[in-house]
Amino acid sequence: MADDERVNELMRLLRTMEERFTNMNRKLDVIESNFISQQKKMNKGFLLAESDLVEMKKDMSAFTYKLTLMGKELSLCARKGDVDALRKYLELWQPMDFIRRDEAERFIQQKSVK
């Protein structure tokens, strides 16, 4: 009977080891599944970040273009010194005191009639 007990003990140990092996395989499958899931999430995050970066580059390019365009437009504007010089000439000439041509002709006709 000692041999039968020994065989039974070995069979019990073999079943215990098989259960442990099966449990370890299940745990490994769960870990692998979680790893794949996390990797997919990270890949989605990277893709979103990359698309955001591309969008920001486009926005930055558009902003740079508009800023350059504004700079060109500003270079075409009159400078303060130019406006000041024009103001001095206008103050010197007093164009509001000038008369229009039709007013001058009317004035001449009125003087010549008298």
N, C-alpha and C. Protein backbone atom coordinates (compact mmCIF):
# COMPACT_ATOMS: atom_id res chain seq x y z
N MET A 1 0.80 -1.19 0.00
CA MET A 1 0.00 0.00 0.00
C MET A 1 0.85 1.26 0.00
N ALA A 2 2.01 1.15 0.43
CA ALA A 2 2.87 2.31 0.47
C ALA A 2 3.09 2.87 -0.93
N ASP A 3 3.13 1.97 -1.90
CA ASP A 3 3.31 2.43 -3.27
C ASP A 3 2.06 3.17 -3.76
N ASP A 4 0.87 2.64 -3.38
CA ASP A 4 -0.39 3.29 -3.77
C ASP A 4 -0.49 4.68 -3.13
N GLU A 5 -0.10 4.79 -1.88
CA GLU A 5 -0.14 6.09 -1.20
C GLU A 5 0.84 7.07 -1.86
N ARG A 6 2.00 6.50 -2.21
CA ARG A 6 3.00 7.34 -2.87
C ARG A 6 2.49 7.82 -4.23
N VAL A 7 1.86 6.95 -4.98
CA VAL A 7 1.30 7.30 -6.28
C VAL A 7 0.20 8.35 -6.08
N ASN A 8 -0.67 8.13 -5.09
CA ASN A 8 -1.74 9.10 -4.80
C ASN A 8 -1.15 10.45 -4.40
N GLU A 9 -0.12 10.44 -3.59
CA GLU A 9 0.53 11.69 -3.16
C GLU A 9 1.14 12.40 -4.38
N LEU A 10 1.80 11.64 -5.24
CA LEU A 10 2.39 12.24 -6.45
C LEU A 10 1.29 12.79 -7.37
N MET A 11 0.18 12.08 -7.49
CA MET A 11 -0.94 12.56 -8.32
C MET A 11 -1.53 13.85 -7.74
N ARG A 12 -1.65 13.88 -6.40
CA ARG A 12 -2.17 15.08 -5.74
C ARG A 12 -1.21 16.25 -5.98
N LEU A 13 0.07 16.02 -5.84
CA LEU A 13 1.07 17.07 -6.09
C LEU A 13 1.03 17.52 -7.55
N LEU A 14 0.86 16.56 -8.45
CA LEU A 14 0.79 16.87 -9.88
C LEU A 14 -0.43 17.74 -10.18
N ARG A 15 -1.60 17.41 -9.60
CA ARG A 15 -2.81 18.23 -9.79
C ARG A 15 -2.63 19.62 -9.20
N THR A 16 -2.00 19.70 -8.03
CA THR A 16 -1.75 21.00 -7.41
C THR A 16 -0.85 21.86 -8.30
N MET A 17 0.18 21.24 -8.85
CA MET A 17 1.09 21.98 -9.73
C MET A 17 0.38 22.40 -11.02
N GLU A 18 -0.48 21.52 -11.53
CA GLU A 18 -1.25 21.87 -12.75
C GLU A 18 -2.18 23.04 -12.46
N GLU A 19 -2.83 23.05 -11.30
CA GLU A 19 -3.71 24.16 -10.92
C GLU A 19 -2.92 25.46 -10.81
N ARG A 20 -1.77 25.37 -10.17
CA ARG A 20 -0.93 26.57 -10.05
C ARG A 20 -0.49 27.06 -11.42
N PHE A 21 -0.10 26.12 -12.29
CA PHE A 21 0.31 26.48 -13.63
C PHE A 21 -0.85 27.14 -14.40
N THR A 22 -2.05 26.56 -14.27
CA THR A 22 -3.24 27.12 -14.92
C THR A 22 -3.54 28.51 -14.38
N ASN A 23 -3.47 28.68 -13.05
CA ASN A 23 -3.71 30.00 -12.44
C ASN A 23 -2.67 31.02 -12.91
N MET A 24 -1.42 30.59 -12.99
CA MET A 24 -0.38 31.50 -13.46
C MET A 24 -0.61 31.89 -14.92
N ASN A 25 -1.06 30.93 -15.74
CA ASN A 25 -1.37 31.25 -17.14
C ASN A 25 -2.52 32.24 -17.23
N ARG A 26 -3.55 32.08 -16.40
CA ARG A 26 -4.68 33.03 -16.39
C ARG A 26 -4.20 34.43 -15.98
N LYS A 27 -3.40 34.48 -14.93
CA LYS A 27 -2.87 35.77 -14.48
C LYS A 27 -2.01 36.41 -15.58
N LEU A 28 -1.20 35.59 -16.24
CA LEU A 28 -0.36 36.10 -17.32
C LEU A 28 -1.23 36.62 -18.47
N ASP A 29 -2.31 35.91 -18.79
CA ASP A 29 -3.24 36.36 -19.83
C ASP A 29 -3.88 37.69 -19.46
N VAL A 30 -4.28 37.83 -18.19
CA VAL A 30 -4.88 39.09 -17.72
C VAL A 30 -3.86 40.22 -17.80
N ILE A 31 -2.64 39.95 -17.36
CA ILE A 31 -1.58 40.98 -17.41
C ILE A 31 -1.31 41.38 -18.86
N GLU A 32 -1.23 40.39 -19.74
CA GLU A 32 -0.98 40.67 -21.16
C GLU A 32 -2.13 41.48 -21.76
N SER A 33 -3.36 41.11 -21.41
CA SER A 33 -4.53 41.84 -21.90
C SER A 33 -4.51 43.28 -21.40
N ASN A 34 -4.22 43.48 -20.13
CA ASN A 34 -4.13 44.83 -19.57
C ASN A 34 -3.02 45.63 -20.24
N PHE A 35 -1.90 44.98 -20.48
CA PHE A 35 -0.78 45.66 -21.13
C PHE A 35 -1.17 46.12 -22.54
N ILE A 36 -1.83 45.23 -23.29
CA ILE A 36 -2.26 45.58 -24.65
C ILE A 36 -3.27 46.72 -24.60
N SER A 37 -4.21 46.66 -23.64
CA SER A 37 -5.21 47.72 -23.49
C SER A 37 -4.54 49.06 -23.18
N GLN A 38 -3.59 49.04 -22.26
CA GLN A 38 -2.88 50.28 -21.91
C GLN A 38 -2.07 50.80 -23.09
N GLN A 39 -1.47 49.89 -23.84
CA GLN A 39 -0.68 50.30 -24.99
C GLN A 39 -1.59 50.95 -26.04
N LYS A 40 -2.78 50.41 -26.25
CA LYS A 40 -3.73 51.01 -27.20
C LYS A 40 -4.14 52.41 -26.74
N LYS A 41 -4.41 52.54 -25.44
CA LYS A 41 -4.77 53.86 -24.90
C LYS A 41 -3.64 54.86 -25.10
N MET A 42 -2.42 54.41 -24.85
CA MET A 42 -1.27 55.31 -25.02
C MET A 42 -1.09 55.69 -26.49
N ASN A 43 -1.30 54.72 -27.38
CA ASN A 43 -1.18 55.03 -28.81
C ASN A 43 -2.23 56.06 -29.24
N LYS A 44 -3.46 55.90 -28.72
CA LYS A 44 -4.51 56.89 -29.01
C LYS A 44 -4.10 58.26 -28.49
N GLY A 45 -3.55 58.28 -27.27
CA GLY A 45 -3.09 59.55 -26.69
C GLY A 45 -1.99 60.17 -27.52
N PHE A 46 -1.05 59.36 -28.00
CA PHE A 46 0.02 59.88 -28.84
C PHE A 46 -0.53 60.42 -30.16
N LEU A 47 -1.49 59.71 -30.74
CA LEU A 47 -2.08 60.18 -31.99
C LEU A 47 -2.81 61.50 -31.79
N LEU A 48 -3.55 61.60 -30.67
CA LEU A 48 -4.24 62.86 -30.38
C LEU A 48 -3.25 63.99 -30.16
N ALA A 49 -2.19 63.70 -29.42
CA ALA A 49 -1.17 64.73 -29.17
C ALA A 49 -0.51 65.14 -30.47
N GLU A 50 -0.26 64.18 -31.34
CA GLU A 50 0.37 64.50 -32.63
C GLU A 50 -0.56 65.34 -33.48
N SER A 51 -1.85 65.00 -33.50
CA SER A 51 -2.79 65.79 -34.28
C SER A 51 -2.93 67.19 -33.70
N ASP A 52 -2.92 67.31 -32.37
CA ASP A 52 -2.95 68.64 -31.75
C ASP A 52 -1.72 69.44 -32.13
N LEU A 53 -0.58 68.78 -32.16
CA LEU A 53 0.67 69.46 -32.52
C LEU A 53 0.63 69.94 -33.96
N VAL A 54 0.11 69.11 -34.85
CA VAL A 54 -0.02 69.52 -36.25
C VAL A 54 -0.96 70.72 -36.36
N GLU A 55 -2.07 70.68 -35.63
CA GLU A 55 -3.02 71.80 -35.64
C GLU A 55 -2.38 73.07 -35.10
N MET A 56 -1.59 72.93 -34.03
CA MET A 56 -0.92 74.11 -33.46
C MET A 56 0.10 74.67 -34.45
N LYS A 57 0.78 73.79 -35.19
CA LYS A 57 1.74 74.26 -36.20
C LYS A 57 1.02 75.04 -37.29
N LYS A 58 -0.15 74.54 -37.71
CA LYS A 58 -0.94 75.24 -38.73
C LYS A 58 -1.37 76.61 -38.20
N ASP A 59 -1.86 76.64 -36.96
CA ASP A 59 -2.29 77.91 -36.35
C ASP A 59 -1.12 78.88 -36.25
N MET A 60 0.04 78.35 -35.85
CA MET A 60 1.22 79.20 -35.70
C MET A 60 1.65 79.74 -37.05
N SER A 61 1.57 78.93 -38.08
CA SER A 61 1.92 79.36 -39.43
C SER A 61 0.97 80.46 -39.90
N ALA A 62 -0.33 80.26 -39.66
CA ALA A 62 -1.32 81.28 -40.04
C ALA A 62 -1.07 82.57 -39.26
N PHE A 63 -0.77 82.45 -37.97
CA PHE A 63 -0.50 83.62 -37.15
C PHE A 63 0.73 84.36 -37.66
N THR A 64 1.79 83.62 -38.01
CA THR A 64 3.01 84.23 -38.53
C THR A 64 2.72 84.95 -39.84
N TYR A 65 1.92 84.33 -40.72
CA TYR A 65 1.57 84.96 -41.99
C TYR A 65 0.82 86.26 -41.75
N LYS A 66 -0.16 86.21 -40.85
CA LYS A 66 -0.95 87.42 -40.58
C LYS A 66 -0.09 88.51 -39.94
N LEU A 67 0.81 88.10 -39.07
CA LEU A 67 1.71 89.07 -38.44
C LEU A 67 2.62 89.72 -39.48
N THR A 68 3.12 88.93 -40.40
CA THR A 68 3.96 89.46 -41.49
C THR A 68 3.15 90.42 -42.36
N LEU A 69 1.93 90.03 -42.66
CA LEU A 69 1.05 90.88 -43.47
C LEU A 69 0.78 92.21 -42.76
N MET A 70 0.53 92.14 -41.43
CA MET A 70 0.31 93.37 -40.67
C MET A 70 1.55 94.25 -40.69
N GLY A 71 2.72 93.63 -40.59
CA GLY A 71 3.97 94.39 -40.65
C GLY A 71 4.12 95.11 -41.97
N LYS A 72 3.79 94.41 -43.07
CA LYS A 72 3.86 95.05 -44.39
C LYS A 72 2.88 96.20 -44.49
N GLU A 73 1.65 95.99 -43.99
CA GLU A 73 0.64 97.05 -44.01
C GLU A 73 1.09 98.26 -43.19
N LEU A 74 1.68 97.99 -42.02
CA LEU A 74 2.14 99.09 -41.18
C LEU A 74 3.28 99.86 -41.83
N SER A 75 4.11 99.16 -42.60
CA SER A 75 5.21 99.86 -43.26
C SER A 75 4.70 100.82 -44.33
N LEU A 76 3.48 100.58 -44.83
CA LEU A 76 2.89 101.47 -45.84
C LEU A 76 2.20 102.68 -45.21
N CYS A 77 1.96 102.64 -43.92
CA CYS A 77 1.28 103.74 -43.23
C CYS A 77 2.24 104.91 -43.04
N ALA A 78 1.64 106.08 -42.91
CA ALA A 78 2.43 107.29 -42.67
C ALA A 78 3.01 107.25 -41.26
N ARG A 79 4.21 107.76 -41.14
CA ARG A 79 4.86 107.80 -39.83
C ARG A 79 4.46 109.10 -39.12
N LYS A 80 4.72 109.16 -37.85
CA LYS A 80 4.34 110.32 -37.05
C LYS A 80 4.98 111.59 -37.60
N GLY A 81 6.24 111.49 -38.01
CA GLY A 81 6.93 112.66 -38.57
C GLY A 81 6.26 113.15 -39.84
N ASP A 82 5.81 112.20 -40.69
CA ASP A 82 5.12 112.58 -41.93
C ASP A 82 3.81 113.30 -41.61
N VAL A 83 3.07 112.77 -40.65
CA VAL A 83 1.79 113.39 -40.27
C VAL A 83 2.04 114.77 -39.66
N ASP A 84 3.07 114.90 -38.85
CA ASP A 84 3.39 116.20 -38.24
C ASP A 84 3.76 117.22 -39.31
N ALA A 85 4.53 116.82 -40.31
CA ALA A 85 4.92 117.73 -41.39
C ALA A 85 3.68 118.17 -42.16
N LEU A 86 2.80 117.24 -42.46
CA LEU A 86 1.56 117.57 -43.17
C LEU A 86 0.71 118.54 -42.35
N ARG A 87 0.65 118.30 -41.03
CA ARG A 87 -0.11 119.18 -40.15
C ARG A 87 0.45 120.61 -40.20
N LYS A 88 1.78 120.73 -40.19
CA LYS A 88 2.40 122.07 -40.24
C LYS A 88 2.05 122.79 -41.53
N TYR A 89 2.11 122.06 -42.67
CA TYR A 89 1.74 122.68 -43.95
C TYR A 89 0.28 123.12 -43.95
N LEU A 90 -0.60 122.27 -43.40
CA LEU A 90 -2.02 122.63 -43.37
C LEU A 90 -2.25 123.86 -42.48
N GLU A 91 -1.53 123.93 -41.37
CA GLU A 91 -1.68 125.10 -40.50
C GLU A 91 -1.13 126.35 -41.18
N LEU A 92 -0.09 126.20 -41.97
CA LEU A 92 0.51 127.33 -42.67
C LEU A 92 -0.40 127.83 -43.80
N TRP A 93 -0.93 126.93 -44.58
CA TRP A 93 -1.75 127.31 -45.73
C TRP A 93 -3.19 127.65 -45.37
N GLN A 94 -3.70 127.11 -44.32
CA GLN A 94 -5.11 127.32 -43.92
C GLN A 94 -6.06 127.07 -45.10
N PRO A 95 -6.15 125.85 -45.61
CA PRO A 95 -6.97 125.57 -46.80
C PRO A 95 -8.46 125.81 -46.58
N MET A 96 -8.91 125.86 -45.35
CA MET A 96 -10.32 126.12 -45.10
C MET A 96 -10.69 127.56 -45.43
N ASP A 97 -9.66 128.41 -45.51
CA ASP A 97 -9.92 129.80 -45.87
C ASP A 97 -9.96 130.00 -47.39
N PHE A 98 -9.59 129.01 -48.17
CA PHE A 98 -9.64 129.11 -49.64
C PHE A 98 -11.09 129.11 -50.09
N ILE A 99 -11.31 129.67 -51.28
CA ILE A 99 -12.66 129.62 -51.83
C ILE A 99 -12.67 128.66 -53.01
N ARG A 100 -13.85 128.15 -53.29
CA ARG A 100 -13.98 127.22 -54.41
C ARG A 100 -14.04 128.02 -55.71
N ARG A 101 -13.77 127.35 -56.81
CA ARG A 101 -13.75 128.00 -58.13
C ARG A 101 -15.08 128.65 -58.46
N ASP A 102 -16.19 127.94 -58.21
CA ASP A 102 -17.50 128.51 -58.55
C ASP A 102 -17.79 129.74 -57.69
N GLU A 103 -17.29 129.75 -56.46
CA GLU A 103 -17.47 130.93 -55.61
C GLU A 103 -16.64 132.10 -56.15
N ALA A 104 -15.43 131.80 -56.62
CA ALA A 104 -14.57 132.86 -57.19
C ALA A 104 -15.20 133.44 -58.45
N GLU A 105 -15.73 132.59 -59.31
CA GLU A 105 -16.36 133.06 -60.55
C GLU A 105 -17.59 133.91 -60.24
N ARG A 106 -18.36 133.48 -59.26
CA ARG A 106 -19.52 134.26 -58.86
C ARG A 106 -19.10 135.62 -58.31
N PHE A 107 -18.05 135.65 -57.51
CA PHE A 107 -17.55 136.88 -56.94
C PHE A 107 -17.07 137.84 -58.05
N ILE A 108 -16.37 137.26 -59.04
CA ILE A 108 -15.88 138.09 -60.16
C ILE A 108 -17.04 138.64 -60.95
N GLN A 109 -18.06 137.83 -61.20
CA GLN A 109 -19.22 138.30 -61.96
C GLN A 109 -19.94 139.41 -61.19
N GLN A 110 -20.05 139.23 -59.90
CA GLN A 110 -20.73 140.26 -59.10
C GLN A 110 -19.93 141.56 -59.14
N LYS A 111 -18.63 141.51 -59.11
CA LYS A 111 -17.79 142.72 -59.12
C LYS A 111 -17.81 143.38 -60.51
N SER A 112 -17.86 142.55 -61.54
CA SER A 112 -17.83 143.13 -62.89
C SER A 112 -19.19 143.74 -63.26
N VAL A 113 -20.24 143.26 -62.69
CA VAL A 113 -21.58 143.81 -62.96
C VAL A 113 -21.70 145.19 -62.31
N LYS A 114 -21.09 145.41 -61.26
CA LYS A 114 -21.23 146.67 -60.55
C LYS A 114 -20.45 147.70 -61.22
